[in-house]
């Protein structure tokens, strides 16, 4: 994880843990990498949005973030849209040096 967890406040550490321990490996990789990359810079409002996104089931999140299914309008948020854009790329969830070129 690129984030030094000891420098994060308890809320950010908890969200980072939740993002990396979703229950399915695919969701762990996509969501965990996104959160680890951005958690330190999120505002309180963005943390609220992230908490809401993490409440969705893994199956739905994995499908939405991989582009297998569109995000339902009722579930859309700036955070979920941002995650979908970053996770749509080839090798999403992998460190840059392991992503396919």
PDB file of N, CA and C in Angstrom:
ATOM      1  N   UNK A   1       0.839  -1.180   0.000  1.00  0.00           N
ATOM      2  CA  UNK A   1       0.000   0.000   0.000  1.00  0.00           C
ATOM      3  C   UNK A   1       0.879   1.236   0.000  1.00  0.00           C
ATOM      4  N   UNK A   2       0.585   2.194  -0.847  1.00  0.00           N
ATOM      5  CA  UNK A   2       1.438   3.369  -0.907  1.00  0.00           C
ATOM      6  C   UNK A   2       1.282   4.307   0.271  1.00  0.00           C
ATOM      7  N   UNK A   3       0.222   4.167   1.038  1.00  0.00           N
ATOM      8  CA  UNK A   3      -0.029   5.073   2.146  1.00  0.00           C
ATOM      9  C   UNK A   3       0.623   4.558   3.417  1.00  0.00           C
ATOM     10  N   UNK A   4       1.302   5.438   4.153  1.00  0.00           N
ATOM     11  CA  UNK A   4       1.849   5.096   5.460  1.00  0.00           C
ATOM     12  C   UNK A   4       0.687   5.145   6.448  1.00  0.00           C
ATOM     13  N   UNK A   5       0.170   3.989   6.833  1.00  0.00           N
ATOM     14  CA  UNK A   5      -1.047   3.941   7.639  1.00  0.00           C
ATOM     15  C   UNK A   5      -0.875   4.565   9.016  1.00  0.00           C
ATOM     16  N   UNK A   6       0.323   4.566   9.550  1.00  0.00           N
ATOM     17  CA  UNK A   6       0.536   5.138  10.886  1.00  0.00           C
ATOM     18  C   UNK A   6       0.317   6.647  10.892  1.00  0.00           C
ATOM     19  N   UNK A   7       0.466   7.285   9.743  1.00  0.00           N
ATOM     20  CA  UNK A   7       0.274   8.736   9.691  1.00  0.00           C
ATOM     21  C   UNK A   7      -1.185   9.117   9.461  1.00  0.00           C
ATOM     22  N   UNK A   8      -2.046   8.126   9.242  1.00  0.00           N
ATOM     23  CA  UNK A   8      -3.463   8.393   8.992  1.00  0.00           C
ATOM     24  C   UNK A   8      -4.257   8.429  10.295  1.00  0.00           C
ATOM     25  N   UNK A   9      -5.328   9.221  10.284  1.00  0.00           N
ATOM     26  CA  UNK A   9      -6.206   9.252  11.449  1.00  0.00           C
ATOM     27  C   UNK A   9      -7.015   7.947  11.488  1.00  0.00           C
ATOM     28  N   UNK A  10      -7.630   7.635  12.632  1.00  0.00           N
ATOM     29  CA  UNK A  10      -8.336   6.356  12.768  1.00  0.00           C
ATOM     30  C   UNK A  10      -9.426   6.117  11.715  1.00  0.00           C
ATOM     31  N   UNK A  11     -10.161   7.149  11.333  1.00  0.00           N
ATOM     32  CA  UNK A  11     -11.216   6.973  10.334  1.00  0.00           C
ATOM     33  C   UNK A  11     -10.625   6.533   8.999  1.00  0.00           C
ATOM     34  N   UNK A  12      -9.542   7.164   8.579  1.00  0.00           N
ATOM     35  CA  UNK A  12      -8.909   6.810   7.310  1.00  0.00           C
ATOM     36  C   UNK A  12      -8.305   5.414   7.365  1.00  0.00           C
ATOM     37  N   UNK A  13      -7.715   5.048   8.493  1.00  0.00           N
ATOM     38  CA  UNK A  13      -7.163   3.691   8.629  1.00  0.00           C
ATOM     39  C   UNK A  13      -8.277   2.647   8.551  1.00  0.00           C
ATOM     40  N   UNK A  14      -9.403   2.938   9.187  1.00  0.00           N
ATOM     41  CA  UNK A  14     -10.532   2.004   9.157  1.00  0.00           C
ATOM     42  C   UNK A  14     -11.051   1.838   7.731  1.00  0.00           C
ATOM     43  N   UNK A  15     -11.194   2.954   7.003  1.00  0.00           N
ATOM     44  CA  UNK A  15     -11.681   2.877   5.627  1.00  0.00           C
ATOM     45  C   UNK A  15     -10.691   2.147   4.718  1.00  0.00           C
ATOM     46  N   UNK A  16      -9.424   2.377   4.928  1.00  0.00           N
ATOM     47  CA  UNK A  16      -8.400   1.677   4.147  1.00  0.00           C
ATOM     48  C   UNK A  16      -8.467   0.174   4.406  1.00  0.00           C
ATOM     49  N   UNK A  17      -8.631  -0.208   5.666  1.00  0.00           N
ATOM     50  CA  UNK A  17      -8.759  -1.624   6.003  1.00  0.00           C
ATOM     51  C   UNK A  17      -9.986  -2.220   5.323  1.00  0.00           C
ATOM     52  N   UNK A  18     -11.119  -1.527   5.423  1.00  0.00           N
ATOM     53  CA  UNK A  18     -12.366  -2.020   4.796  1.00  0.00           C
ATOM     54  C   UNK A  18     -12.203  -2.162   3.288  1.00  0.00           C
ATOM     55  N   UNK A  19     -11.483  -1.249   2.668  1.00  0.00           N
ATOM     56  CA  UNK A  19     -11.298  -1.291   1.218  1.00  0.00           C
ATOM     57  C   UNK A  19     -10.447  -2.483   0.789  1.00  0.00           C
ATOM     58  N   UNK A  20      -9.508  -2.887   1.622  1.00  0.00           N
ATOM     59  CA  UNK A  20      -8.625  -4.005   1.295  1.00  0.00           C
ATOM     60  C   UNK A  20      -9.162  -5.347   1.769  1.00  0.00           C
ATOM     61  N   UNK A  21     -10.218  -5.356   2.542  1.00  0.00           N
ATOM     62  CA  UNK A  21     -10.772  -6.601   3.094  1.00  0.00           C
ATOM     63  C   UNK A  21     -12.256  -6.687   2.789  1.00  0.00           C
ATOM     64  N   UNK A  22     -12.575  -6.691   1.513  1.00  0.00           N
ATOM     65  CA  UNK A  22     -13.956  -6.683   1.051  1.00  0.00           C
ATOM     66  C   UNK A  22     -14.591  -8.066   1.124  1.00  0.00           C
ATOM     67  N   UNK A  23     -13.835  -9.079   0.825  1.00  0.00           N
ATOM     68  CA  UNK A  23     -14.397 -10.421   0.808  1.00  0.00           C
ATOM     69  C   UNK A  23     -14.126 -11.140  -0.495  1.00  0.00           C
ATOM     70  N   UNK A  24     -13.955 -10.393  -1.585  1.00  0.00           N
ATOM     71  CA  UNK A  24     -13.558 -11.006  -2.847  1.00  0.00           C
ATOM     72  C   UNK A  24     -12.246 -10.368  -3.297  1.00  0.00           C
ATOM     73  N   UNK A  25     -11.390 -11.183  -3.859  1.00  0.00           N
ATOM     74  CA  UNK A  25     -10.064 -10.704  -4.252  1.00  0.00           C
ATOM     75  C   UNK A  25     -10.151  -9.587  -5.293  1.00  0.00           C
ATOM     76  N   UNK A  26     -11.077  -9.734  -6.254  1.00  0.00           N
ATOM     77  CA  UNK A  26     -11.220  -8.727  -7.295  1.00  0.00           C
ATOM     78  C   UNK A  26     -11.563  -7.357  -6.689  1.00  0.00           C
ATOM     79  N   UNK A  27     -12.531  -7.345  -5.781  1.00  0.00           N
ATOM     80  CA  UNK A  27     -12.925  -6.079  -5.142  1.00  0.00           C
ATOM     81  C   UNK A  27     -11.794  -5.552  -4.254  1.00  0.00           C
ATOM     82  N   UNK A  28     -11.125  -6.452  -3.533  1.00  0.00           N
ATOM     83  CA  UNK A  28      -9.997  -6.031  -2.698  1.00  0.00           C
ATOM     84  C   UNK A  28      -8.953  -5.286  -3.525  1.00  0.00           C
ATOM     85  N   UNK A  29      -8.633  -5.822  -4.693  1.00  0.00           N
ATOM     86  CA  UNK A  29      -7.602  -5.211  -5.530  1.00  0.00           C
ATOM     87  C   UNK A  29      -8.042  -3.871  -6.098  1.00  0.00           C
ATOM     88  N   UNK A  30      -9.228  -3.836  -6.692  1.00  0.00           N
ATOM     89  CA  UNK A  30      -9.679  -2.596  -7.332  1.00  0.00           C
ATOM     90  C   UNK A  30      -9.945  -1.501  -6.311  1.00  0.00           C
ATOM     91  N   UNK A  31     -10.752  -1.812  -5.322  1.00  0.00           N
ATOM     92  CA  UNK A  31     -11.157  -0.803  -4.342  1.00  0.00           C
ATOM     93  C   UNK A  31      -9.990  -0.456  -3.426  1.00  0.00           C
ATOM     94  N   UNK A  32      -9.280  -1.477  -2.982  1.00  0.00           N
ATOM     95  CA  UNK A  32      -8.149  -1.258  -2.079  1.00  0.00           C
ATOM     96  C   UNK A  32      -7.072  -0.381  -2.674  1.00  0.00           C
ATOM     97  N   UNK A  33      -6.718  -0.615  -3.930  1.00  0.00           N
ATOM     98  CA  UNK A  33      -5.674   0.191  -4.581  1.00  0.00           C
ATOM     99  C   UNK A  33      -6.143   1.641  -4.730  1.00  0.00           C
ATOM    100  N   UNK A  34      -7.397   1.822  -5.159  1.00  0.00           N
ATOM    101  CA  UNK A  34      -7.933   3.178  -5.313  1.00  0.00           C
ATOM    102  C   UNK A  34      -7.886   3.923  -3.984  1.00  0.00           C
ATOM    103  N   UNK A  35      -8.366   3.288  -2.932  1.00  0.00           N
ATOM    104  CA  UNK A  35      -8.423   3.946  -1.624  1.00  0.00           C
ATOM    105  C   UNK A  35      -7.015   4.204  -1.093  1.00  0.00           C
ATOM    106  N   UNK A  36      -6.129   3.226  -1.218  1.00  0.00           N
ATOM    107  CA  UNK A  36      -4.757   3.412  -0.730  1.00  0.00           C
ATOM    108  C   UNK A  36      -4.070   4.577  -1.435  1.00  0.00           C
ATOM    109  N   UNK A  37      -4.364   4.752  -2.714  1.00  0.00           N
ATOM    110  CA  UNK A  37      -3.744   5.820  -3.486  1.00  0.00           C
ATOM    111  C   UNK A  37      -4.251   7.198  -3.076  1.00  0.00           C
ATOM    112  N   UNK A  38      -5.530   7.305  -2.697  1.00  0.00           N
ATOM    113  CA  UNK A  38      -6.152   8.608  -2.496  1.00  0.00           C
ATOM    114  C   UNK A  38      -6.565   8.948  -1.065  1.00  0.00           C
ATOM    115  N   UNK A  39      -6.560   8.007  -0.166  1.00  0.00           N
ATOM    116  CA  UNK A  39      -7.156   8.201   1.168  1.00  0.00           C
ATOM    117  C   UNK A  39      -6.574   9.402   1.911  1.00  0.00           C
ATOM    118  N   UNK A  40      -5.294   9.614   1.818  1.00  0.00           N
ATOM    119  CA  UNK A  40      -4.664  10.697   2.585  1.00  0.00           C
ATOM    120  C   UNK A  40      -5.165  12.074   2.152  1.00  0.00           C
ATOM    121  N   UNK A  41      -5.574  12.214   0.894  1.00  0.00           N
ATOM    122  CA  UNK A  41      -5.987  13.511   0.395  1.00  0.00           C
ATOM    123  C   UNK A  41      -7.485  13.749   0.375  1.00  0.00           C
ATOM    124  N   UNK A  42      -8.272  12.751   0.765  1.00  0.00           N
ATOM    125  CA  UNK A  42      -9.725  12.919   0.746  1.00  0.00           C
ATOM    126  C   UNK A  42     -10.183  13.915   1.800  1.00  0.00           C
ATOM    127  N   UNK A  43     -11.147  14.748   1.408  1.00  0.00           N
ATOM    128  CA  UNK A  43     -11.788  15.667   2.359  1.00  0.00           C
ATOM    129  C   UNK A  43     -12.777  14.868   3.214  1.00  0.00           C
ATOM    130  N   UNK A  44     -13.313  15.501   4.232  1.00  0.00           N
ATOM    131  CA  UNK A  44     -14.317  14.830   5.076  1.00  0.00           C
ATOM    132  C   UNK A  44     -15.540  14.435   4.248  1.00  0.00           C
ATOM    133  N   UNK A  45     -15.945  15.291   3.333  1.00  0.00           N
ATOM    134  CA  UNK A  45     -17.094  14.978   2.466  1.00  0.00           C
ATOM    135  C   UNK A  45     -16.793  13.775   1.574  1.00  0.00           C
ATOM    136  N   UNK A  46     -15.566  13.702   1.064  1.00  0.00           N
ATOM    137  CA  UNK A  46     -15.181  12.551   0.238  1.00  0.00           C
ATOM    138  C   UNK A  46     -15.119  11.281   1.066  1.00  0.00           C
ATOM    139  N   UNK A  47     -14.681  11.391   2.313  1.00  0.00           N
ATOM    140  CA  UNK A  47     -14.688  10.216   3.194  1.00  0.00           C
ATOM    141  C   UNK A  47     -16.112   9.735   3.429  1.00  0.00           C
ATOM    142  N   UNK A  48     -17.047  10.664   3.584  1.00  0.00           N
ATOM    143  CA  UNK A  48     -18.461  10.296   3.726  1.00  0.00           C
ATOM    144  C   UNK A  48     -18.936   9.542   2.486  1.00  0.00           C
ATOM    145  N   UNK A  49     -18.583  10.052   1.310  1.00  0.00           N
ATOM    146  CA  UNK A  49     -18.966   9.396   0.053  1.00  0.00           C
ATOM    147  C   UNK A  49     -18.340   8.005  -0.038  1.00  0.00           C
ATOM    148  N   UNK A  50     -17.071   7.897   0.350  1.00  0.00           N
ATOM    149  CA  UNK A  50     -16.391   6.609   0.307  1.00  0.00           C
ATOM    150  C   UNK A  50     -17.081   5.608   1.228  1.00  0.00           C
ATOM    151  N   UNK A  51     -17.436   6.043   2.422  1.00  0.00           N
ATOM    152  CA  UNK A  51     -18.143   5.147   3.344  1.00  0.00           C
ATOM    153  C   UNK A  51     -19.440   4.640   2.726  1.00  0.00           C
ATOM    154  N   UNK A  52     -20.153   5.518   2.032  1.00  0.00           N
ATOM    155  CA  UNK A  52     -21.396   5.106   1.382  1.00  0.00           C
ATOM    156  C   UNK A  52     -21.125   4.080   0.279  1.00  0.00           C
ATOM    157  N   UNK A  53     -20.082   4.302  -0.504  1.00  0.00           N
ATOM    158  CA  UNK A  53     -19.728   3.364  -1.577  1.00  0.00           C
ATOM    159  C   UNK A  53     -19.370   1.996  -0.994  1.00  0.00           C
ATOM    160  N   UNK A  54     -18.638   1.984   0.112  1.00  0.00           N
ATOM    161  CA  UNK A  54     -18.206   0.721   0.696  1.00  0.00           C
ATOM    162  C   UNK A  54     -19.356  -0.102   1.277  1.00  0.00           C
ATOM    163  N   UNK A  55     -20.524   0.487   1.376  1.00  0.00           N
ATOM    164  CA  UNK A  55     -21.697  -0.240   1.851  1.00  0.00           C
ATOM    165  C   UNK A  55     -22.315  -1.125   0.769  1.00  0.00           C
ATOM    166  N   UNK A  56     -22.003  -0.866  -0.489  1.00  0.00           N
ATOM    167  CA  UNK A  56     -22.564  -1.678  -1.567  1.00  0.00           C
ATOM    168  C   UNK A  56     -21.938  -3.067  -1.551  1.00  0.00           C
ATOM    169  N   UNK A  57     -22.693  -4.082  -1.981  1.00  0.00           N
ATOM    170  CA  UNK A  57     -22.148  -5.450  -2.041  1.00  0.00           C
ATOM    171  C   UNK A  57     -20.980  -5.555  -3.030  1.00  0.00           C
ATOM    172  N   UNK A  58     -20.052  -6.435  -2.715  1.00  0.00           N
ATOM    173  CA  UNK A  58     -18.881  -6.660  -3.570  1.00  0.00           C
ATOM    174  C   UNK A  58     -19.261  -6.989  -5.003  1.00  0.00           C
ATOM    175  N   UNK A  59     -20.251  -7.830  -5.178  1.00  0.00           N
ATOM    176  CA  UNK A  59     -20.645  -8.258  -6.516  1.00  0.00           C
ATOM    177  C   UNK A  59     -21.041  -7.044  -7.354  1.00  0.00           C
ATOM    178  N   UNK A  60     -21.839  -6.162  -6.789  1.00  0.00           N
ATOM    179  CA  UNK A  60     -22.256  -4.968  -7.516  1.00  0.00           C
ATOM    180  C   UNK A  60     -21.063  -4.059  -7.789  1.00  0.00           C
ATOM    181  N   UNK A  61     -20.263  -3.792  -6.768  1.00  0.00           N
ATOM    182  CA  UNK A  61     -19.107  -2.908  -6.956  1.00  0.00           C
ATOM    183  C   UNK A  61     -18.147  -3.449  -8.006  1.00  0.00           C
ATOM    184  N   UNK A  62     -17.848  -4.724  -7.941  1.00  0.00           N
ATOM    185  CA  UNK A  62     -16.923  -5.316  -8.916  1.00  0.00           C
ATOM    186  C   UNK A  62     -17.480  -5.188 -10.329  1.00  0.00           C
ATOM    187  N   UNK A  63     -18.761  -5.436 -10.498  1.00  0.00           N
ATOM    188  CA  UNK A  63     -19.371  -5.307 -11.829  1.00  0.00           C
ATOM    189  C   UNK A  63     -19.366  -3.863 -12.308  1.00  0.00           C
ATOM    190  N   UNK A  64     -19.725  -2.935 -11.445  1.00  0.00           N
ATOM    191  CA  UNK A  64     -19.764  -1.516 -11.825  1.00  0.00           C
ATOM    192  C   UNK A  64     -18.368  -0.987 -12.135  1.00  0.00           C
ATOM    193  N   UNK A  65     -17.413  -1.310 -11.273  1.00  0.00           N
ATOM    194  CA  UNK A  65     -16.069  -0.757 -11.433  1.00  0.00           C
ATOM    195  C   UNK A  65     -15.324  -1.366 -12.612  1.00  0.00           C
ATOM    196  N   UNK A  66     -15.653  -2.591 -12.963  1.00  0.00           N
ATOM    197  CA  UNK A  66     -15.000  -3.231 -14.105  1.00  0.00           C
ATOM    198  C   UNK A  66     -15.710  -2.907 -15.411  1.00  0.00           C
ATOM    199  N   UNK A  67     -16.896  -2.305 -15.327  1.00  0.00           N
ATOM    200  CA  UNK A  67     -17.649  -1.968 -16.523  1.00  0.00           C
ATOM    201  C   UNK A  67     -18.541  -3.084 -17.032  1.00  0.00           C
ATOM    202  N   UNK A  68     -18.633  -4.184 -16.288  1.00  0.00           N
ATOM    203  CA  UNK A  68     -19.507  -5.282 -16.712  1.00  0.00           C
ATOM    204  C   UNK A  68     -20.982  -4.882 -16.700  1.00  0.00           C
ATOM    205  N   UNK A  69     -21.321  -4.007 -15.772  1.00  0.00           N
ATOM    206  CA  UNK A  69     -22.685  -3.468 -15.682  1.00  0.00           C
ATOM    207  C   UNK A  69     -22.582  -1.976 -15.427  1.00  0.00           C
ATOM    208  N   UNK A  70     -23.520  -1.196 -15.959  1.00  0.00           N
ATOM    209  CA  UNK A  70     -23.502   0.240 -15.672  1.00  0.00           C
ATOM    210  C   UNK A  70     -23.904   0.507 -14.221  1.00  0.00           C
ATOM    211  N   UNK A  71     -23.408   1.592 -13.687  1.00  0.00           N
ATOM    212  CA  UNK A  71     -23.788   2.000 -12.331  1.00  0.00           C
ATOM    213  C   UNK A  71     -25.221   2.515 -12.386  1.00  0.00           C
ATOM    214  N   UNK A  72     -26.127   1.962 -11.589  1.00  0.00           N
ATOM    215  CA  UNK A  72     -27.504   2.467 -11.595  1.00  0.00           C
ATOM    216  C   UNK A  72     -27.537   3.937 -11.183  1.00  0.00           C
ATOM    217  N   UNK A  73     -28.404   4.676 -11.807  1.00  0.00           N
ATOM    218  CA  UNK A  73     -28.504   6.120 -11.544  1.00  0.00           C
ATOM    219  C   UNK A  73     -28.707   6.404 -10.058  1.00  0.00           C
ATOM    220  N   UNK A  74     -29.507   5.583  -9.388  1.00  0.00           N
ATOM    221  CA  UNK A  74     -29.791   5.791  -7.960  1.00  0.00           C
ATOM    222  C   UNK A  74     -28.558   5.593  -7.081  1.00  0.00           C
ATOM    223  N   UNK A  75     -27.543   4.912  -7.590  1.00  0.00           N
ATOM    224  CA  UNK A  75     -26.337   4.624  -6.807  1.00  0.00           C
ATOM    225  C   UNK A  75     -25.173   5.548  -7.151  1.00  0.00           C
ATOM    226  N   UNK A  76     -25.287   6.288  -8.201  1.00  0.00           N
ATOM    227  CA  UNK A  76     -24.178   7.125  -8.665  1.00  0.00           C
ATOM    228  C   UNK A  76     -23.828   8.212  -7.657  1.00  0.00           C
ATOM    229  N   UNK A  77     -22.541   8.464  -7.560  1.00  0.00           N
ATOM    230  CA  UNK A  77     -22.013   9.556  -6.741  1.00  0.00           C
ATOM    231  C   UNK A  77     -20.689   9.968  -7.369  1.00  0.00           C
ATOM    232  N   UNK A  78     -20.212  11.153  -7.068  1.00  0.00           N
ATOM    233  CA  UNK A  78     -18.906  11.551  -7.608  1.00  0.00           C
ATOM    234  C   UNK A  78     -17.793  10.554  -7.236  1.00  0.00           C
ATOM    235  N   UNK A  79     -17.837  10.016  -6.027  1.00  0.00           N
ATOM    236  CA  UNK A  79     -16.808   9.069  -5.605  1.00  0.00           C
ATOM    237  C   UNK A  79     -16.887   7.780  -6.414  1.00  0.00           C
ATOM    238  N   UNK A  80     -18.075   7.235  -6.579  1.00  0.00           N
ATOM    239  CA  UNK A  80     -18.228   5.989  -7.320  1.00  0.00           C
ATOM    240  C   UNK A  80     -17.860   6.196  -8.789  1.00  0.00           C
ATOM    241  N   UNK A  81     -18.229   7.329  -9.355  1.00  0.00           N
ATOM    242  CA  UNK A  81     -17.846   7.622 -10.734  1.00  0.00           C
ATOM    243  C   UNK A  81     -16.325   7.722 -10.869  1.00  0.00           C
ATOM    244  N   UNK A  82     -15.688   8.371  -9.915  1.00  0.00           N
ATOM    245  CA  UNK A  82     -14.225   8.506  -9.936  1.00  0.00           C
ATOM    246  C   UNK A  82     -13.554   7.140  -9.825  1.00  0.00           C
ATOM    247  N   UNK A  83     -14.087   6.301  -8.953  1.00  0.00           N
ATOM    248  CA  UNK A  83     -13.545   4.945  -8.805  1.00  0.00           C
ATOM    249  C   UNK A  83     -13.702   4.166 -10.103  1.00  0.00           C
ATOM    250  N   UNK A  84     -14.862   4.284 -10.733  1.00  0.00           N
ATOM    251  CA  UNK A  84     -15.124   3.549 -11.972  1.00  0.00           C
ATOM    252  C   UNK A  84     -14.152   3.952 -13.072  1.00  0.00           C
ATOM    253  N   UNK A  85     -13.861   5.241 -13.176  1.00  0.00           N
ATOM    254  CA  UNK A  85     -12.921   5.713 -14.194  1.00  0.00           C
ATOM    255  C   UNK A  85     -11.535   5.108 -13.951  1.00  0.00           C
ATOM    256  N   UNK A  86     -11.074   5.144 -12.714  1.00  0.00           N
ATOM    257  CA  UNK A  86      -9.731   4.623 -12.414  1.00  0.00           C
ATOM    258  C   UNK A  86      -9.658   3.108 -12.506  1.00  0.00           C
ATOM    259  N   UNK A  87     -10.722   2.434 -12.160  1.00  0.00           N
ATOM    260  CA  UNK A  87     -10.718   0.974 -12.157  1.00  0.00           C
ATOM    261  C   UNK A  87     -10.999   0.374 -13.526  1.00  0.00           C
ATOM    262  N   UNK A  88     -11.411   1.181 -14.484  1.00  0.00           N
ATOM    263  CA  UNK A  88     -11.745   0.676 -15.813  1.00  0.00           C
ATOM    264  C   UNK A  88     -10.510   0.341 -16.639  1.00  0.00           C
ATOM    265  N   UNK A  89      -9.372   0.878 -16.259  1.00  0.00           N
ATOM    266  CA  UNK A  89      -8.156   0.648 -17.029  1.00  0.00           C
ATOM    267  C   UNK A  89      -7.633  -0.768 -16.884  1.00  0.00           C
ATOM    268  N   UNK A  90      -6.880  -1.197 -17.864  1.00  0.00           N
ATOM    269  CA  UNK A  90      -6.273  -2.520 -17.839  1.00  0.00           C
ATOM    270  C   UNK A  90      -5.321  -2.639 -16.650  1.00  0.00           C
ATOM    271  N   UNK A  91      -5.443  -3.703 -15.895  1.00  0.00           N
ATOM    272  CA  UNK A  91      -4.579  -3.931 -14.746  1.00  0.00           C
ATOM    273  C   UNK A  91      -4.976  -3.140 -13.519  1.00  0.00           C
ATOM    274  N   UNK A  92      -6.202  -2.642 -13.477  1.00  0.00           N
ATOM    275  CA  UNK A  92      -6.653  -1.869 -12.312  1.00  0.00           C
ATOM    276  C   UNK A  92      -6.475  -2.695 -11.051  1.00  0.00           C
ATOM    277  N   UNK A  93      -5.979  -2.047 -10.022  1.00  0.00           N
ATOM    278  CA  UNK A  93      -5.746  -2.721  -8.755  1.00  0.00           C
ATOM    279  C   UNK A  93      -4.330  -3.240  -8.586  1.00  0.00           C
ATOM    280  N   UNK A  94      -3.582  -3.291  -9.677  1.00  0.00           N
ATOM    281  CA  UNK A  94      -2.201  -3.759  -9.615  1.00  0.00           C
ATOM    282  C   UNK A  94      -1.254  -2.575  -9.517  1.00  0.00           C
ATOM    283  N   UNK A  95      -0.127  -2.761  -8.862  1.00  0.00           N
ATOM    284  CA  UNK A  95       0.878  -1.694  -8.865  1.00  0.00           C
ATOM    285  C   UNK A  95       1.287  -1.382 -10.304  1.00  0.00           C
ATOM    286  N   UNK A  96       1.685  -0.160 -10.559  1.00  0.00           N
ATOM    287  CA  UNK A  96       2.020   0.287 -11.925  1.00  0.00           C
ATOM    288  C   UNK A  96       3.037  -0.614 -12.607  1.00  0.00           C
ATOM    289  N   UNK A  97       4.018  -1.120 -11.876  1.00  0.00           N
ATOM    290  CA  UNK A  97       5.054  -1.945 -12.497  1.00  0.00           C
ATOM    291  C   UNK A  97       4.555  -3.339 -12.905  1.00  0.00           C
ATOM    292  N   UNK A  98       3.376  -3.733 -12.444  1.00  0.00           N
ATOM    293  CA  UNK A  98       2.817  -5.038 -12.820  1.00  0.00           C
ATOM    294  C   UNK A  98       1.693  -4.935 -13.848  1.00  0.00           C
ATOM    295  N   UNK A  99       1.272  -3.726 -14.178  1.00  0.00           N
ATOM    296  CA  UNK A  99       0.165  -3.550 -15.121  1.00  0.00           C
ATOM    297  C   UNK A  99       0.632  -3.858 -16.539  1.00  0.00           C
ATOM    298  N   UNK A 100      -0.288  -4.437 -17.335  1.00  0.00           N
ATOM    299  CA  UNK A 100       0.061  -4.690 -18.747  1.00  0.00           C
ATOM    300  C   UNK A 100       0.267  -3.367 -19.496  1.00  0.00           C
ATOM    301  N   UNK A 101       1.200  -3.366 -20.394  1.00  0.00           N
ATOM    302  CA  UNK A 101       1.506  -2.142 -21.157  1.00  0.00           C
ATOM    303  C   UNK A 101       0.648  -2.048 -22.377  1.00  0.00           C
TER     304      UNK A 101
END
